[in-house]
Amino acid sequence: MTSLGVVFRPQSPPEQLRAVVEAADAAAAAGAVDELWFWEDCFLEGGLTQAALALAWSSRLRVGIGLLPVPLRNPAVVAMEAATLARAFPGRLVLTLGHGVQDWMAQVGARPASPMALLREHTTAVRDLLAGERVDADGDHVRLDGVALDWPPAAPPTLLLGARGPRTLRLAGELADGVVLDAQACAEPDAVREARATVQAGRDDAGRPGATHVTCYVQVGAAEVSAERVGERVRTFADAGGDTVVLQSDGDAPDPRPLLDALTALAADGHDPRRSAVAGGADG
C-alpha cells in the first residue's frame, strides 16, 4: 500500500512548524497520513534541524528530508547527524541527498566541478558510514581517511536521491534505496512511470536485488483542497508507481494543514486513498 505524506515547505516561517507537526501527528493517529516531509532551499530553513524538531514533537510520523544539497556538507557530518536521529527515533527517518540548485551552490562558494561525481562519491560515503563501515575515500570531491561512526544506527535510515535527469535517476537505482521526484518531475503520471523504470534499470544493472522505492511530490492547488480532489490525486500517482505520495501545497497556500484536514475527512468517512485504484480503489 502506498504511504502518504505532506510537505512543510521552507517558505513557511519556522515558528509555524510545531503546530503543523502536531496536526500531522494527530492526522497520523487518525489513520490519515504517514509522513511529514521537508526540503532545503537556500537560504530558508535547515532540513536536518526541521527533521530533528519534527521527530521530537511527534510520536507516530515518519519524517523525510528531501533533499539535502550535498555540496553544502561533508558526508561524515551528514552521516553523524543522520545516525543520531536514526538511533534516537528508530525507523522514522528518511534521508534524501541531491545536487542542489547550482546557482545557489555557486553563491556560497560550493559549486562542484562535476555535480554527478560529487553526488556519487558523497552518497557512497554516507551510505557506507551509516552501515557501520570504516570508510577510506580519495575521490575528486570526497576524501576520508579511516572514518567510522562511533554510534552507527542499528538499522540505517532509508536513503534516497533526488533526481530528474536520466543519469541521476540511474544513480539512485545504483547506490540508494530509491528516488524522490519533485513536483516538476511528477507533473504527469507517465513521467513517474518512466522515472521508475529508469531507476529500476540502474538498480538491476548494478546487480542489486529487489525493487526501488519511488517518492512523488504531488502539487495540489489551493482550489483543489477537497477530500475528493486530494483522494483522486493520491490514487493517480499511486497507480503510476509512487510508493510514497507526498502532497505539496502550491505557492498560494503553503500551509499543509488544509491538506491534512482533507485527508482526515477521507479517513473519517472510511476512504483510504493510499489504496490505489489498481488495488481496488479508495475502499479496496
C-alpha atoms as a PDB file:
ATOM      1  CA  MET A   1       0.000   0.000   0.000  1.00  0.00           C
ATOM      2  CA  THR A   2       1.216   3.478  -0.847  1.00  0.00           C
ATOM      3  CA  SER A   3       2.453   5.649   2.016  1.00  0.00           C
ATOM      4  CA  LEU A   4       1.053   9.156   2.241  1.00  0.00           C
ATOM      5  CA  GLY A   5       2.703  12.366   3.369  1.00  0.00           C
ATOM      6  CA  VAL A   6       2.527  16.145   3.268  1.00  0.00           C
ATOM      7  CA  VAL A   7       5.253  18.792   2.961  1.00  0.00           C
ATOM      8  CA  PHE A   8       6.068  21.606   5.336  1.00  0.00           C
ATOM      9  CA  ARG A   9       7.555  23.941   2.757  1.00  0.00           C
ATOM     10  CA  PRO A  10      10.589  26.050   3.714  1.00  0.00           C
ATOM     11  CA  GLN A  11       8.707  29.162   2.560  1.00  0.00           C
ATOM     12  CA  SER A  12       6.616  28.825   5.734  1.00  0.00           C
ATOM     13  CA  PRO A  13       8.083  30.503   8.834  1.00  0.00           C
ATOM     14  CA  PRO A  14       9.829  28.184  11.311  1.00  0.00           C
ATOM     15  CA  GLU A  15       7.600  29.321  14.161  1.00  0.00           C
ATOM     16  CA  GLN A  16       4.662  27.543  12.440  1.00  0.00           C
ATOM     17  CA  LEU A  17       6.460  24.210  12.474  1.00  0.00           C
ATOM     18  CA  ARG A  18       5.343  22.873  15.853  1.00  0.00           C
ATOM     19  CA  ALA A  19       1.649  23.431  15.150  1.00  0.00           C
ATOM     20  CA  VAL A  20       1.978  21.679  11.772  1.00  0.00           C
ATOM     21  CA  VAL A  21       3.876  18.750  13.324  1.00  0.00           C
ATOM     22  CA  GLU A  22       1.200  18.325  15.988  1.00  0.00           C
ATOM     23  CA  ALA A  23      -1.560  18.485  13.358  1.00  0.00           C
ATOM     24  CA  ALA A  24       0.236  15.897  11.220  1.00  0.00           C
ATOM     25  CA  ASP A  25       0.788  13.611  14.206  1.00  0.00           C
ATOM     26  CA  ALA A  26      -2.921  13.850  15.048  1.00  0.00           C
ATOM     27  CA  ALA A  27      -3.745  13.005  11.420  1.00  0.00           C
ATOM     28  CA  ALA A  28      -1.412  10.004  11.682  1.00  0.00           C
ATOM     29  CA  ALA A  29      -3.258   8.868  14.802  1.00  0.00           C
ATOM     30  CA  ALA A  30      -6.492   9.059  12.790  1.00  0.00           C
ATOM     31  CA  GLY A  31      -5.009   6.856  10.073  1.00  0.00           C
ATOM     32  CA  ALA A  32      -4.987   9.692   7.551  1.00  0.00           C
ATOM     33  CA  VAL A  33      -1.275  10.239   6.898  1.00  0.00           C
ATOM     34  CA  ASP A  34       2.060   8.509   7.427  1.00  0.00           C
ATOM     35  CA  GLU A  35       4.834  11.024   6.832  1.00  0.00           C
ATOM     36  CA  LEU A  36       5.859  14.689   7.102  1.00  0.00           C
ATOM     37  CA  TRP A  37       8.479  15.957   4.662  1.00  0.00           C
ATOM     38  CA  PHE A  38      10.884  18.899   4.444  1.00  0.00           C
ATOM     39  CA  TRP A  39      13.322  20.207   1.881  1.00  0.00           C
ATOM     40  CA  GLU A  40      16.127  22.733   1.939  1.00  0.00           C
ATOM     41  CA  ASP A  41      16.026  25.802  -0.270  1.00  0.00           C
ATOM     42  CA  CYS A  42      18.801  28.343   0.176  1.00  0.00           C
ATOM     43  CA  PHE A  43      18.572  30.340   2.310  1.00  0.00           C
ATOM     44  CA  LEU A  44      15.449  29.380   4.205  1.00  0.00           C
ATOM     45  CA  GLU A  45      15.394  26.539   6.776  1.00  0.00           C
ATOM     46  CA  GLY A  46      17.760  23.682   7.602  1.00  0.00           C
ATOM     47  CA  GLY A  47      16.387  20.259   6.711  1.00  0.00           C
ATOM     48  CA  LEU A  48      18.179  18.347   9.462  1.00  0.00           C
ATOM     49  CA  THR A  49      17.116  20.874  12.095  1.00  0.00           C
ATOM     50  CA  GLN A  50      13.499  20.705  10.964  1.00  0.00           C
ATOM     51  CA  ALA A  51      13.578  16.908  10.973  1.00  0.00           C
ATOM     52  CA  ALA A  52      15.016  16.775  14.482  1.00  0.00           C
ATOM     53  CA  LEU A  53      12.283  19.057  15.791  1.00  0.00           C
ATOM     54  CA  ALA A  54       9.530  17.156  13.985  1.00  0.00           C
ATOM     55  CA  LEU A  55      10.727  13.800  15.307  1.00  0.00           C
ATOM     56  CA  ALA A  56      10.907  15.152  18.847  1.00  0.00           C
ATOM     57  CA  TRP A  57       7.474  16.789  18.675  1.00  0.00           C
ATOM     58  CA  SER A  58       5.692  13.733  17.247  1.00  0.00           C
ATOM     59  CA  SER A  59       5.303  10.087  18.162  1.00  0.00           C
ATOM     60  CA  ARG A  60       3.895   8.418  15.041  1.00  0.00           C
ATOM     61  CA  LEU A  61       5.163  10.238  11.970  1.00  0.00           C
ATOM     62  CA  ARG A  62       7.949   9.169   9.706  1.00  0.00           C
ATOM     63  CA  VAL A  63       9.929  12.249   8.782  1.00  0.00           C
ATOM     64  CA  GLY A  64      11.511  12.732   5.376  1.00  0.00           C
ATOM     65  CA  ILE A  65      14.221  15.181   4.381  1.00  0.00           C
ATOM     66  CA  GLY A  66      14.035  15.638   0.660  1.00  0.00           C
ATOM     67  CA  LEU A  67      16.538  16.825  -0.036  1.00  0.00           C
ATOM     68  CA  LEU A  68      19.893  17.863   1.424  1.00  0.00           C
ATOM     69  CA  PRO A  69      22.160  19.547  -1.190  1.00  0.00           C
ATOM     70  CA  VAL A  70      25.416  17.598  -0.994  1.00  0.00           C
ATOM     71  CA  PRO A  71      27.816  20.466  -1.861  1.00  0.00           C
ATOM     72  CA  LEU A  72      26.911  22.162   1.433  1.00  0.00           C
ATOM     73  CA  ARG A  73      28.082  19.386   3.793  1.00  0.00           C
ATOM     74  CA  ASN A  74      30.908  16.969   4.388  1.00  0.00           C
ATOM     75  CA  PRO A  75      29.486  13.426   4.118  1.00  0.00           C
ATOM     76  CA  ALA A  76      30.904  12.485   7.523  1.00  0.00           C
ATOM     77  CA  VAL A  77      28.831  15.276   9.096  1.00  0.00           C
ATOM     78  CA  VAL A  78      25.696  14.152   7.234  1.00  0.00           C
ATOM     79  CA  ALA A  79      26.239  10.586   8.451  1.00  0.00           C
ATOM     80  CA  MET A  80      26.818  11.723  12.047  1.00  0.00           C
ATOM     81  CA  GLU A  81      23.638  13.803  12.080  1.00  0.00           C
ATOM     82  CA  ALA A  82      21.523  11.144  10.374  1.00  0.00           C
ATOM     83  CA  ALA A  83      22.858   8.407  12.658  1.00  0.00           C
ATOM     84  CA  THR A  84      21.964  10.464  15.724  1.00  0.00           C
ATOM     85  CA  LEU A  85      18.366  10.867  14.554  1.00  0.00           C
ATOM     86  CA  ALA A  86      18.088   7.256  13.405  1.00  0.00           C
ATOM     87  CA  ARG A  87      19.242   5.975  16.809  1.00  0.00           C
ATOM     88  CA  ALA A  88      17.044   8.366  18.788  1.00  0.00           C
ATOM     89  CA  PHE A  89      13.960   7.723  16.604  1.00  0.00           C
ATOM     90  CA  PRO A  90      14.385   4.237  15.083  1.00  0.00           C
ATOM     91  CA  GLY A  91      12.579   3.589  11.827  1.00  0.00           C
ATOM     92  CA  ARG A  92      11.202   7.108  11.486  1.00  0.00           C
ATOM     93  CA  LEU A  93      13.800   8.921   9.352  1.00  0.00           C
ATOM     94  CA  VAL A  94      14.026   9.064   5.546  1.00  0.00           C
ATOM     95  CA  LEU A  95      17.131  10.830   4.221  1.00  0.00           C
ATOM     96  CA  THR A  96      17.416  12.215   0.689  1.00  0.00           C
ATOM     97  CA  LEU A  97      20.559  13.613  -0.936  1.00  0.00           C
ATOM     98  CA  GLY A  98      20.747  15.637  -4.122  1.00  0.00           C
ATOM     99  CA  HIS A  99      22.653  18.058  -6.298  1.00  0.00           C
ATOM    100  CA  GLY A 100      21.050  21.243  -5.020  1.00  0.00           C
ATOM    101  CA  VAL A 101      20.477  24.312  -7.202  1.00  0.00           C
ATOM    102  CA  GLN A 102      23.849  25.022  -8.776  1.00  0.00           C
ATOM    103  CA  ASP A 103      23.448  28.815  -8.800  1.00  0.00           C
ATOM    104  CA  TRP A 104      22.884  28.714  -5.034  1.00  0.00           C
ATOM    105  CA  MET A 105      25.857  26.399  -4.604  1.00  0.00           C
ATOM    106  CA  ALA A 106      27.988  28.929  -6.502  1.00  0.00           C
ATOM    107  CA  GLN A 107      26.621  31.714  -4.300  1.00  0.00           C
ATOM    108  CA  VAL A 108      28.187  30.076  -1.233  1.00  0.00           C
ATOM    109  CA  GLY A 109      31.391  29.025  -2.986  1.00  0.00           C
ATOM    110  CA  ALA A 110      30.440  25.326  -3.094  1.00  0.00           C
ATOM    111  CA  ARG A 111      29.584  24.666  -6.741  1.00  0.00           C
ATOM    112  CA  PRO A 112      31.346  21.428  -7.743  1.00  0.00           C
ATOM    113  CA  ALA A 113      33.220  20.931 -10.984  1.00  0.00           C
ATOM    114  CA  SER A 114      31.200  17.750 -11.543  1.00  0.00           C
ATOM    115  CA  PRO A 115      27.860  17.538  -9.702  1.00  0.00           C
ATOM    116  CA  MET A 116      27.424  13.897 -10.752  1.00  0.00           C
ATOM    117  CA  ALA A 117      30.845  12.854  -9.462  1.00  0.00           C
ATOM    118  CA  LEU A 118      30.221  14.646  -6.177  1.00  0.00           C
ATOM    119  CA  LEU A 119      26.799  13.035  -5.725  1.00  0.00           C
ATOM    120  CA  ARG A 120      28.236   9.576  -6.419  1.00  0.00           C
ATOM    121  CA  GLU A 121      31.140   9.999  -4.002  1.00  0.00           C
ATOM    122  CA  HIS A 122      29.060  11.680  -1.288  1.00  0.00           C
ATOM    123  CA  THR A 123      26.201   9.153  -1.450  1.00  0.00           C
ATOM    124  CA  THR A 124      28.582   6.194  -1.354  1.00  0.00           C
ATOM    125  CA  ALA A 125      30.351   7.595   1.709  1.00  0.00           C
ATOM    126  CA  VAL A 126      27.143   8.405   3.615  1.00  0.00           C
ATOM    127  CA  ARG A 127      25.618   5.019   2.783  1.00  0.00           C
ATOM    128  CA  ASP A 128      28.698   3.106   3.929  1.00  0.00           C
ATOM    129  CA  LEU A 129      29.163   5.153   7.105  1.00  0.00           C
ATOM    130  CA  LEU A 130      25.528   4.625   8.100  1.00  0.00           C
ATOM    131  CA  ALA A 131      26.031   0.895   7.519  1.00  0.00           C
ATOM    132  CA  GLY A 132      28.753   0.952  10.184  1.00  0.00           C
ATOM    133  CA  GLU A 133      31.665   0.611   7.781  1.00  0.00           C
ATOM    134  CA  ARG A 134      35.098   2.163   8.078  1.00  0.00           C
ATOM    135  CA  VAL A 135      35.478   4.381   5.021  1.00  0.00           C
ATOM    136  CA  ASP A 136      38.546   5.413   3.079  1.00  0.00           C
ATOM    137  CA  ALA A 137      37.863   7.675   0.128  1.00  0.00           C
ATOM    138  CA  ASP A 138      40.255   9.561  -2.104  1.00  0.00           C
ATOM    139  CA  GLY A 139      37.978  10.901  -4.789  1.00  0.00           C
ATOM    140  CA  ASP A 140      37.847  14.156  -6.680  1.00  0.00           C
ATOM    141  CA  HIS A 141      35.387  15.589  -4.158  1.00  0.00           C
ATOM    142  CA  VAL A 142      35.259  13.345  -1.070  1.00  0.00           C
ATOM    143  CA  ARG A 143      38.346  12.456   0.957  1.00  0.00           C
ATOM    144  CA  LEU A 144      38.002  10.380   4.113  1.00  0.00           C
ATOM    145  CA  ASP A 145      40.841   8.659   5.943  1.00  0.00           C
ATOM    146  CA  GLY A 146      39.690   5.694   8.014  1.00  0.00           C
ATOM    147  CA  VAL A 147      36.427   7.342   9.100  1.00  0.00           C
ATOM    148  CA  ALA A 148      33.872   5.290  11.036  1.00  0.00           C
ATOM    149  CA  LEU A 149      30.930   6.316  13.188  1.00  0.00           C
ATOM    150  CA  ASP A 150      31.200   5.528  16.885  1.00  0.00           C
ATOM    151  CA  TRP A 151      27.397   5.451  17.048  1.00  0.00           C
ATOM    152  CA  PRO A 152      26.086   3.936  13.808  1.00  0.00           C
ATOM    153  CA  PRO A 153      22.374   3.142  13.774  1.00  0.00           C
ATOM    154  CA  ALA A 154      21.279  -0.456  14.301  1.00  0.00           C
ATOM    155  CA  ALA A 155      19.285  -0.109  11.076  1.00  0.00           C
ATOM    156  CA  PRO A 156      20.346   2.611   8.617  1.00  0.00           C
ATOM    157  CA  PRO A 157      17.614   5.056   7.620  1.00  0.00           C
ATOM    158  CA  THR A 158      16.088   4.822   4.161  1.00  0.00           C
ATOM    159  CA  LEU A 159      18.457   6.644   1.808  1.00  0.00           C
ATOM    160  CA  LEU A 160      17.058   8.223  -1.369  1.00  0.00           C
ATOM    161  CA  LEU A 161      18.384  10.526  -4.070  1.00  0.00           C
ATOM    162  CA  GLY A 162      16.514  13.482  -5.507  1.00  0.00           C
ATOM    163  CA  ALA A 163      16.573  13.238  -9.293  1.00  0.00           C
ATOM    164  CA  ARG A 164      15.094  14.475 -12.567  1.00  0.00           C
ATOM    165  CA  GLY A 165      17.530  13.600 -15.349  1.00  0.00           C
ATOM    166  CA  PRO A 166      18.245  10.042 -16.517  1.00  0.00           C
ATOM    167  CA  ARG A 167      21.829   9.920 -15.222  1.00  0.00           C
ATOM    168  CA  THR A 168      20.819  10.867 -11.700  1.00  0.00           C
ATOM    169  CA  LEU A 169      17.794   8.558 -11.824  1.00  0.00           C
ATOM    170  CA  ARG A 170      20.053   5.645 -12.738  1.00  0.00           C
ATOM    171  CA  LEU A 171      22.476   6.626  -9.966  1.00  0.00           C
ATOM    172  CA  ALA A 172      19.602   6.480  -7.482  1.00  0.00           C
ATOM    173  CA  GLY A 173      18.971   2.907  -8.513  1.00  0.00           C
ATOM    174  CA  GLU A 174      22.642   2.012  -8.407  1.00  0.00           C
ATOM    175  CA  LEU A 175      23.506   3.453  -4.993  1.00  0.00           C
ATOM    176  CA  ALA A 176      20.417   4.299  -2.951  1.00  0.00           C
ATOM    177  CA  ASP A 177      17.142   2.765  -1.801  1.00  0.00           C
ATOM    178  CA  GLY A 178      15.216   4.798  -4.331  1.00  0.00           C
ATOM    179  CA  VAL A 179      14.375   8.257  -5.559  1.00  0.00           C
ATOM    180  CA  VAL A 180      12.457  11.418  -4.687  1.00  0.00           C
ATOM    181  CA  LEU A 181      10.742  13.043  -7.667  1.00  0.00           C
ATOM    182  CA  ASP A 182       9.844  16.692  -7.142  1.00  0.00           C
ATOM    183  CA  ALA A 183       6.569  18.263  -8.262  1.00  0.00           C
ATOM    184  CA  GLN A 184       8.014  19.127 -11.663  1.00  0.00           C
ATOM    185  CA  ALA A 185       9.087  15.514 -12.231  1.00  0.00           C
ATOM    186  CA  CYS A 186       5.644  14.350 -11.044  1.00  0.00           C
ATOM    187  CA  ALA A 187       3.673  16.691 -13.261  1.00  0.00           C
ATOM    188  CA  GLU A 188       2.191  13.742 -15.189  1.00  0.00           C
ATOM    189  CA  PRO A 189       1.670  10.087 -14.205  1.00  0.00           C
ATOM    190  CA  ASP A 190       3.523   8.856 -17.306  1.00  0.00           C
ATOM    191  CA  ALA A 191       6.614  10.780 -16.194  1.00  0.00           C
ATOM    192  CA  VAL A 192       6.544   8.863 -12.915  1.00  0.00           C
ATOM    193  CA  ARG A 193       6.294   5.546 -14.750  1.00  0.00           C
ATOM    194  CA  GLU A 194       9.259   6.430 -16.948  1.00  0.00           C
ATOM    195  CA  ALA A 195      11.335   7.625 -13.997  1.00  0.00           C
ATOM    196  CA  ARG A 196      10.578   4.476 -12.035  1.00  0.00           C
ATOM    197  CA  ALA A 197      11.692   2.306 -14.955  1.00  0.00           C
ATOM    198  CA  THR A 198      14.966   4.248 -15.245  1.00  0.00           C
ATOM    199  CA  VAL A 199      15.738   3.952 -11.525  1.00  0.00           C
ATOM    200  CA  GLN A 200      14.926   0.256 -11.555  1.00  0.00           C
ATOM    201  CA  ALA A 201      17.186  -0.246 -14.562  1.00  0.00           C
ATOM    202  CA  GLY A 202      20.042   1.365 -12.654  1.00  0.00           C
ATOM    203  CA  ARG A 203      19.390  -0.941  -9.721  1.00  0.00           C
ATOM    204  CA  ASP A 204      19.188  -4.030 -11.927  1.00  0.00           C
ATOM    205  CA  ASP A 205      22.367  -3.141 -13.838  1.00  0.00           C
ATOM    206  CA  ALA A 206      24.204  -2.750 -10.533  1.00  0.00           C
ATOM    207  CA  GLY A 207      23.147  -6.284  -9.584  1.00  0.00           C
ATOM    208  CA  ARG A 208      21.089  -5.133  -6.641  1.00  0.00           C
ATOM    209  CA  PRO A 209      18.059  -7.333  -5.888  1.00  0.00           C
ATOM    210  CA  GLY A 210      14.559  -6.092  -5.168  1.00  0.00           C
ATOM    211  CA  ALA A 211      12.506  -3.107  -6.253  1.00  0.00           C
ATOM    212  CA  THR A 212      13.356   0.535  -5.932  1.00  0.00           C
ATOM    213  CA  HIS A 213      11.295   2.973  -3.830  1.00  0.00           C
ATOM    214  CA  VAL A 214       9.726   5.986  -5.547  1.00  0.00           C
ATOM    215  CA  THR A 215       8.553   9.031  -3.591  1.00  0.00           C
ATOM    216  CA  CYS A 216       6.478  11.558  -5.569  1.00  0.00           C
ATOM    217  CA  TYR A 217       5.879  15.156  -4.578  1.00  0.00           C
ATOM    218  CA  VAL A 218       2.425  15.978  -5.958  1.00  0.00           C
ATOM    219  CA  GLN A 219       1.354  19.611  -6.066  1.00  0.00           C
ATOM    220  CA  VAL A 220      -2.185  20.499  -5.011  1.00  0.00           C
ATOM    221  CA  GLY A 221      -3.557  23.938  -5.799  1.00  0.00           C
ATOM    222  CA  ALA A 222      -5.498  25.980  -3.280  1.00  0.00           C
ATOM    223  CA  ALA A 223      -8.718  25.456  -5.239  1.00  0.00           C
ATOM    224  CA  GLU A 224      -8.163  21.681  -5.243  1.00  0.00           C
ATOM    225  CA  VAL A 225      -8.005  21.152  -1.483  1.00  0.00           C
ATOM    226  CA  SER A 226     -11.072  18.998  -1.007  1.00  0.00           C
ATOM    227  CA  ALA A 227     -11.305  15.428   0.201  1.00  0.00           C
ATOM    228  CA  GLU A 228     -12.484  14.228  -3.207  1.00  0.00           C
ATOM    229  CA  ARG A 229      -9.775  16.000  -5.218  1.00  0.00           C
ATOM    230  CA  VAL A 230      -6.978  15.108  -2.807  1.00  0.00           C
ATOM    231  CA  GLY A 231      -8.009  11.460  -2.845  1.00  0.00           C
ATOM    232  CA  GLU A 232      -8.045  11.467  -6.638  1.00  0.00           C
ATOM    233  CA  ARG A 233      -4.538  12.951  -6.835  1.00  0.00           C
ATOM    234  CA  VAL A 234      -3.144  10.369  -4.419  1.00  0.00           C
ATOM    235  CA  ARG A 235      -4.692   7.444  -6.281  1.00  0.00           C
ATOM    236  CA  THR A 236      -3.495   8.712  -9.663  1.00  0.00           C
ATOM    237  CA  PHE A 237       0.140   8.834  -8.642  1.00  0.00           C
ATOM    238  CA  ALA A 238      -0.036   5.647  -6.588  1.00  0.00           C
ATOM    239  CA  ASP A 239      -1.238   3.884  -9.740  1.00  0.00           C
ATOM    240  CA  ALA A 240       1.647   5.455 -11.677  1.00  0.00           C
ATOM    241  CA  GLY A 241       4.200   3.805  -9.389  1.00  0.00           C
ATOM    242  CA  GLY A 242       4.543   6.108  -6.414  1.00  0.00           C
ATOM    243  CA  ASP A 243       5.366   4.065  -3.316  1.00  0.00           C
ATOM    244  CA  THR A 244       5.040   7.265  -1.297  1.00  0.00           C
ATOM    245  CA  VAL A 245       2.879  10.196  -2.413  1.00  0.00           C
ATOM    246  CA  VAL A 246       3.744  13.477  -0.703  1.00  0.00           C
ATOM    247  CA  LEU A 247       1.229  16.278  -1.174  1.00  0.00           C
ATOM    248  CA  GLN A 248       2.664  19.747  -1.628  1.00  0.00           C
ATOM    249  CA  SER A 249       0.567  22.894  -1.298  1.00  0.00           C
ATOM    250  CA  ASP A 250       1.172  25.392  -4.081  1.00  0.00           C
ATOM    251  CA  GLY A 251       2.602  28.888  -3.748  1.00  0.00           C
ATOM    252  CA  ASP A 252      -0.710  30.449  -2.817  1.00  0.00           C
ATOM    253  CA  ALA A 253      -1.322  28.036   0.070  1.00  0.00           C
ATOM    254  CA  PRO A 254       1.948  26.771   1.594  1.00  0.00           C
ATOM    255  CA  ASP A 255       0.383  25.685   4.894  1.00  0.00           C
ATOM    256  CA  PRO A 256      -0.217  21.894   4.703  1.00  0.00           C
ATOM    257  CA  ARG A 257      -2.945  21.851   7.368  1.00  0.00           C
ATOM    258  CA  PRO A 258      -5.840  22.137   4.853  1.00  0.00           C
ATOM    259  CA  LEU A 259      -4.401  19.058   3.135  1.00  0.00           C
ATOM    260  CA  LEU A 260      -4.267  17.266   6.487  1.00  0.00           C
ATOM    261  CA  ASP A 261      -7.902  18.234   7.130  1.00  0.00           C
ATOM    262  CA  ALA A 262      -8.941  16.804   3.743  1.00  0.00           C
ATOM    263  CA  LEU A 263      -7.078  13.552   4.360  1.00  0.00           C
ATOM    264  CA  THR A 264      -8.540  13.256   7.866  1.00  0.00           C
ATOM    265  CA  ALA A 265     -12.031  13.753   6.448  1.00  0.00           C
ATOM    266  CA  LEU A 266     -11.405  10.924   3.987  1.00  0.00           C
ATOM    267  CA  ALA A 267     -10.231   8.647   6.784  1.00  0.00           C
ATOM    268  CA  ALA A 268     -13.247   9.533   8.918  1.00  0.00           C
ATOM    269  CA  ASP A 269     -15.532   8.547   6.020  1.00  0.00           C
ATOM    270  CA  GLY A 270     -13.768   5.216   5.632  1.00  0.00           C
ATOM    271  CA  HIS A 271     -11.999   6.150   2.388  1.00  0.00           C
ATOM    272  CA  ASP A 272      -8.287   5.404   2.134  1.00  0.00           C
ATOM    273  CA  PRO A 273      -6.608   6.982  -0.932  1.00  0.00           C
ATOM    274  CA  ARG A 274      -3.405   5.098  -0.097  1.00  0.00           C
ATOM    275  CA  ARG A 275      -5.054   2.036  -1.635  1.00  0.00           C
ATOM    276  CA  SER A 276      -4.661   2.727  -5.326  1.00  0.00           C
ATOM    277  CA  ALA A 277      -7.275   2.064  -7.969  1.00  0.00           C
ATOM    278  CA  VAL A 278      -5.138  -0.826  -9.177  1.00  0.00           C
ATOM    279  CA  ALA A 279      -5.607  -2.448  -5.772  1.00  0.00           C
ATOM    280  CA  GLY A 280      -9.343  -1.890  -5.807  1.00  0.00           C
ATOM    281  CA  GLY A 281      -9.946   1.834  -5.450  1.00  0.00           C
ATOM    282  CA  ALA A 282     -10.246   4.075  -2.428  1.00  0.00           C
ATOM    283  CA  ASP A 283     -12.163   1.496  -0.461  1.00  0.00           C
ATOM    284  CA  GLY A 284     -10.356  -1.547  -1.790  1.00  0.00           C
END
